[in-house]
C-alpha atoms as a PDB file:
ATOM      1  CA  MET A   1     181.680 -70.678 -40.824  1.00  0.00           C
ATOM      2  CA  LYS A   2     182.546 -74.119 -42.196  1.00  0.00           C
ATOM      3  CA  GLY A   3     179.090 -74.449 -43.763  1.00  0.00           C
ATOM      4  CA  LYS A   4     179.542 -71.189 -45.614  1.00  0.00           C
ATOM      5  CA  ARG A   5     183.050 -72.102 -46.763  1.00  0.00           C
ATOM      6  CA  GLU A   6     181.709 -75.356 -48.160  1.00  0.00           C
ATOM      7  CA  ALA A   7     178.925 -73.365 -49.840  1.00  0.00           C
ATOM      8  CA  ARG A   8     181.517 -71.061 -51.427  1.00  0.00           C
ATOM      9  CA  ILE A   9     183.438 -74.086 -52.694  1.00  0.00           C
ATOM     10  CA  LEU A  10     180.268 -75.663 -54.069  1.00  0.00           C
ATOM     11  CA  ALA A  11     179.379 -72.361 -55.760  1.00  0.00           C
ATOM     12  CA  LEU A  12     182.893 -72.207 -57.216  1.00  0.00           C
ATOM     13  CA  GLN A  13     182.555 -75.733 -58.616  1.00  0.00           C
ATOM     14  CA  VAL A  14     179.195 -74.917 -60.191  1.00  0.00           C
ATOM     15  CA  LEU A  15     180.398 -71.603 -61.631  1.00  0.00           C
ATOM     16  CA  TYR A  16     183.579 -73.208 -62.951  1.00  0.00           C
ATOM     17  CA  GLU A  17     181.616 -75.872 -64.839  1.00  0.00           C
ATOM     18  CA  THR A  18     179.166 -73.268 -66.090  1.00  0.00           C
ATOM     19  CA  ASP A  19     182.032 -71.063 -67.225  1.00  0.00           C
ATOM     20  CA  THR A  20     184.130 -73.731 -68.932  1.00  0.00           C
ATOM     21  CA  ALA A  21     181.487 -76.113 -70.320  1.00  0.00           C
ATOM     22  CA  GLN A  22     178.656 -73.606 -70.859  1.00  0.00           C
ATOM     23  CA  HIS A  23     176.239 -75.757 -68.868  1.00  0.00           C
ATOM     24  CA  GLN A  24     173.258 -74.087 -67.189  1.00  0.00           C
ATOM     25  CA  ALA A  25     174.166 -73.064 -63.642  1.00  0.00           C
ATOM     26  CA  GLY A  26     170.851 -74.164 -62.136  1.00  0.00           C
ATOM     27  CA  GLU A  27     171.113 -77.619 -63.677  1.00  0.00           C
ATOM     28  CA  VAL A  28     174.729 -78.000 -62.577  1.00  0.00           C
ATOM     29  CA  LEU A  29     173.886 -76.950 -59.021  1.00  0.00           C
ATOM     30  CA  GLN A  30     170.924 -79.340 -58.832  1.00  0.00           C
ATOM     31  CA  ARG A  31     173.098 -82.190 -60.127  1.00  0.00           C
ATOM     32  CA  HIS A  32     175.787 -81.469 -57.523  1.00  0.00           C
ATOM     33  CA  LEU A  33     173.203 -81.365 -54.750  1.00  0.00           C
ATOM     34  CA  ARG A  34     171.514 -84.540 -56.003  1.00  0.00           C
ATOM     35  CA  ASP A  35     174.847 -86.380 -56.308  1.00  0.00           C
ATOM     36  CA  CYS A  36     175.786 -85.679 -52.712  1.00  0.00           C
ATOM     37  CA  ALA A  37     172.340 -86.452 -51.311  1.00  0.00           C
ATOM     38  CA  GLY A  38     173.300 -90.105 -50.763  1.00  0.00           C
ATOM     39  CA  ASP A  39     176.414 -89.237 -48.760  1.00  0.00           C
ATOM     40  CA  PRO A  40     175.533 -88.241 -45.188  1.00  0.00           C
ATOM     41  CA  ASP A  41     179.086 -86.943 -44.627  1.00  0.00           C
ATOM     42  CA  ASN A  42     178.954 -84.557 -47.584  1.00  0.00           C
ATOM     43  CA  PRO A  43     178.767 -80.953 -46.319  1.00  0.00           C
ATOM     44  CA  ALA A  44     176.383 -80.023 -49.145  1.00  0.00           C
ATOM     45  CA  ASN A  45     173.697 -81.976 -47.282  1.00  0.00           C
ATOM     46  CA  ASP A  46     173.773 -79.378 -44.508  1.00  0.00           C
ATOM     47  CA  ALA A  47     170.910 -76.872 -44.894  1.00  0.00           C
ATOM     48  CA  VAL A  48     173.141 -73.836 -44.286  1.00  0.00           C
ATOM     49  CA  THR A  49     175.630 -74.973 -46.918  1.00  0.00           C
ATOM     50  CA  ARG A  50     172.964 -75.882 -49.450  1.00  0.00           C
ATOM     51  CA  ASP A  51     170.932 -72.700 -48.994  1.00  0.00           C
ATOM     52  CA  TYR A  52     173.955 -70.407 -49.076  1.00  0.00           C
ATOM     53  CA  ALA A  53     175.344 -72.115 -52.193  1.00  0.00           C
ATOM     54  CA  ILE A  54     171.983 -71.692 -53.939  1.00  0.00           C
ATOM     55  CA  ARG A  55     171.892 -68.028 -52.915  1.00  0.00           C
ATOM     56  CA  LEU A  56     175.437 -67.442 -54.176  1.00  0.00           C
ATOM     57  CA  VAL A  57     175.008 -69.193 -57.516  1.00  0.00           C
ATOM     58  CA  SER A  58     171.647 -67.638 -58.324  1.00  0.00           C
ATOM     59  CA  GLY A  59     172.793 -64.152 -57.303  1.00  0.00           C
ATOM     60  CA  ILE A  60     176.032 -64.364 -59.254  1.00  0.00           C
ATOM     61  CA  VAL A  61     174.279 -65.638 -62.377  1.00  0.00           C
ATOM     62  CA  ARG A  62     171.666 -62.855 -62.159  1.00  0.00           C
ATOM     63  CA  ASN A  63     174.314 -60.173 -61.672  1.00  0.00           C
ATOM     64  CA  LEU A  64     177.135 -61.619 -63.787  1.00  0.00           C
ATOM     65  CA  ALA A  65     177.562 -58.672 -66.162  1.00  0.00           C
ATOM     66  CA  GLU A  66     177.630 -56.159 -63.326  1.00  0.00           C
ATOM     67  CA  LEU A  67     180.086 -58.274 -61.322  1.00  0.00           C
ATOM     68  CA  ASP A  68     182.404 -58.647 -64.301  1.00  0.00           C
ATOM     69  CA  ASP A  69     182.238 -54.907 -65.019  1.00  0.00           C
ATOM     70  CA  PHE A  70     183.118 -54.215 -61.404  1.00  0.00           C
ATOM     71  CA  LEU A  71     186.011 -56.695 -61.512  1.00  0.00           C
ATOM     72  CA  ALA A  72     187.299 -55.091 -64.709  1.00  0.00           C
ATOM     73  CA  GLN A  73     187.441 -51.747 -62.898  1.00  0.00           C
ATOM     74  CA  CYS A  74     189.286 -53.300 -59.949  1.00  0.00           C
ATOM     75  CA  ALA A  75     191.958 -55.054 -62.026  1.00  0.00           C
ATOM     76  CA  PRO A  76     192.124 -53.155 -65.329  1.00  0.00           C
ATOM     77  CA  ASP A  77     195.421 -54.799 -66.321  1.00  0.00           C
ATOM     78  CA  PHE A  78     193.772 -58.220 -66.169  1.00  0.00           C
ATOM     79  CA  PRO A  79     190.716 -58.536 -68.453  1.00  0.00           C
ATOM     80  CA  VAL A  80     188.110 -60.732 -66.771  1.00  0.00           C
ATOM     81  CA  SER A  81     187.820 -62.931 -69.863  1.00  0.00           C
ATOM     82  CA  ASN A  82     191.579 -63.644 -69.708  1.00  0.00           C
ATOM     83  CA  LEU A  83     191.635 -64.711 -66.059  1.00  0.00           C
ATOM     84  CA  SER A  84     191.822 -68.388 -65.260  1.00  0.00           C
ATOM     85  CA  PRO A  85     188.300 -69.742 -64.724  1.00  0.00           C
ATOM     86  CA  ILE A  86     189.175 -70.604 -61.117  1.00  0.00           C
ATOM     87  CA  ASP A  87     190.453 -67.108 -60.280  1.00  0.00           C
ATOM     88  CA  ARG A  88     187.597 -65.438 -62.151  1.00  0.00           C
ATOM     89  CA  ASN A  89     184.955 -67.383 -60.244  1.00  0.00           C
ATOM     90  CA  ILE A  90     186.636 -67.046 -56.847  1.00  0.00           C
ATOM     91  CA  LEU A  91     186.577 -63.293 -57.438  1.00  0.00           C
ATOM     92  CA  ARG A  92     182.943 -63.373 -58.550  1.00  0.00           C
ATOM     93  CA  VAL A  93     181.902 -65.189 -55.367  1.00  0.00           C
ATOM     94  CA  ALA A  94     183.794 -62.809 -53.089  1.00  0.00           C
ATOM     95  CA  VAL A  95     182.697 -59.637 -54.862  1.00  0.00           C
ATOM     96  CA  TYR A  96     179.097 -60.803 -54.899  1.00  0.00           C
ATOM     97  CA  GLU A  97     179.237 -61.484 -51.161  1.00  0.00           C
ATOM     98  CA  MET A  98     180.672 -58.030 -50.537  1.00  0.00           C
ATOM     99  CA  ARG A  99     178.344 -56.159 -52.909  1.00  0.00           C
ATOM    100  CA  ALA A 100     175.215 -57.952 -51.683  1.00  0.00           C
ATOM    101  CA  ASN A 101     176.249 -57.500 -48.041  1.00  0.00           C
ATOM    102  CA  LEU A 102     176.223 -61.253 -47.420  1.00  0.00           C
ATOM    103  CA  ALA A 103     179.590 -61.218 -45.650  1.00  0.00           C
ATOM    104  CA  PRO A 104     181.876 -58.575 -44.182  1.00  0.00           C
ATOM    105  CA  VAL A 105     184.595 -57.496 -46.604  1.00  0.00           C
ATOM    106  CA  ARG A 106     187.345 -58.984 -44.459  1.00  0.00           C
ATOM    107  CA  VAL A 107     185.594 -62.363 -44.298  1.00  0.00           C
ATOM    108  CA  ALA A 108     184.917 -62.433 -48.054  1.00  0.00           C
ATOM    109  CA  VAL A 109     188.567 -61.605 -48.817  1.00  0.00           C
ATOM    110  CA  ASN A 110     189.998 -64.114 -46.340  1.00  0.00           C
ATOM    111  CA  GLU A 111     187.699 -66.899 -47.526  1.00  0.00           C
ATOM    112  CA  ALA A 112     188.536 -66.182 -51.180  1.00  0.00           C
ATOM    113  CA  VAL A 113     192.276 -66.279 -50.484  1.00  0.00           C
ATOM    114  CA  GLU A 114     191.941 -69.581 -48.599  1.00  0.00           C
ATOM    115  CA  ILE A 115     189.916 -71.092 -51.444  1.00  0.00           C
ATOM    116  CA  ALA A 116     192.467 -69.779 -53.963  1.00  0.00           C
ATOM    117  CA  LYS A 117     195.238 -71.520 -51.999  1.00  0.00           C
ATOM    118  CA  ARG A 118     193.341 -74.781 -52.260  1.00  0.00           C
ATOM    119  CA  TYR A 119     192.050 -74.638 -55.846  1.00  0.00           C
ATOM    120  CA  GLY A 120     194.074 -72.026 -57.702  1.00  0.00           C
ATOM    121  CA  SER A 121     197.589 -71.831 -59.044  1.00  0.00           C
ATOM    122  CA  ASP A 122     200.612 -70.792 -56.991  1.00  0.00           C
ATOM    123  CA  THR A 123     199.969 -67.148 -57.868  1.00  0.00           C
ATOM    124  CA  SER A 124     196.205 -67.233 -57.296  1.00  0.00           C
ATOM    125  CA  PRO A 125     196.119 -66.312 -53.590  1.00  0.00           C
ATOM    126  CA  ARG A 126     198.248 -63.227 -54.106  1.00  0.00           C
ATOM    127  CA  PHE A 127     196.312 -62.137 -57.194  1.00  0.00           C
ATOM    128  CA  VAL A 128     192.928 -62.728 -55.512  1.00  0.00           C
ATOM    129  CA  ASN A 129     194.047 -60.797 -52.434  1.00  0.00           C
ATOM    130  CA  GLY A 130     195.232 -57.841 -54.546  1.00  0.00           C
ATOM    131  CA  ALA A 131     192.143 -57.734 -56.741  1.00  0.00           C
ATOM    132  CA  LEU A 132     189.822 -57.970 -53.744  1.00  0.00           C
ATOM    133  CA  GLY A 133     191.803 -55.280 -51.944  1.00  0.00           C
ATOM    134  CA  ALA A 134     191.100 -52.986 -54.891  1.00  0.00           C
ATOM    135  CA  ALA A 135     187.462 -54.131 -54.879  1.00  0.00           C
ATOM    136  CA  ALA A 136     187.122 -53.327 -51.174  1.00  0.00           C
ATOM    137  CA  ALA A 137     188.555 -49.860 -51.734  1.00  0.00           C
ATOM    138  CA  ARG A 138     186.114 -49.223 -54.592  1.00  0.00           C
ATOM    139  CA  LEU A 139     183.200 -50.535 -52.553  1.00  0.00           C
ATOM    140  CA  SER A 140     183.919 -48.171 -49.700  1.00  0.00           C
ATOM    141  CA  ALA A 141     183.633 -45.282 -52.178  1.00  0.00           C
ATOM    142  CA  LEU A 142     180.268 -46.434 -53.604  1.00  0.00           C
ATOM    143  CA  PRO A 143     176.981 -45.074 -52.270  1.00  0.00           C
ATOM    144  CA  ALA A 144     175.013 -47.472 -50.064  1.00  0.00           C
ATOM    145  CA  ALA A 145     172.186 -47.769 -52.627  1.00  0.00           C
ATOM    146  CA  ASP A 146     174.481 -49.496 -55.132  1.00  0.00           C
ATOM    147  CA  GLU A 147     173.642 -53.080 -54.194  1.00  0.00           C
ATOM    148  CA  LEU A 148     173.029 -56.223 -56.178  1.00  0.00           C
ATOM    149  CA  THR A 149     169.923 -58.342 -56.314  1.00  0.00           C
ATOM    150  CA  THR A 150     170.128 -61.246 -53.909  1.00  0.00           C
END
């Protein structure tokens, strides 16, 4: 579990930089992985963490428009473009995990809330929990064939 949490955090860092500085996600991810290669204690050196982070980032980038459309339906009072970059990308990671069947809904929600507590604002955990609750409800109503590319 810890390896996947670290992968989610690494994916969040990459997506945040991509979102705010318009850098290419693949280049940002490779730089992060290269920078931690010299530190044996860095969790990104673990194969599970590294592979899962790569899977998350590449899947989210490939499916970004669909993820954002889905998020817009789940929280219509909060346009995706107006969300803080941290909240927006925490939601993208969790929704991607749920939609691509990479993690059970409960795990994706709990992990997102924990990450929001650590990296978001004071209101982030509550907002993330509410938005992902709506996402989970929508997902349960979707047909099984409606999956993302992993």
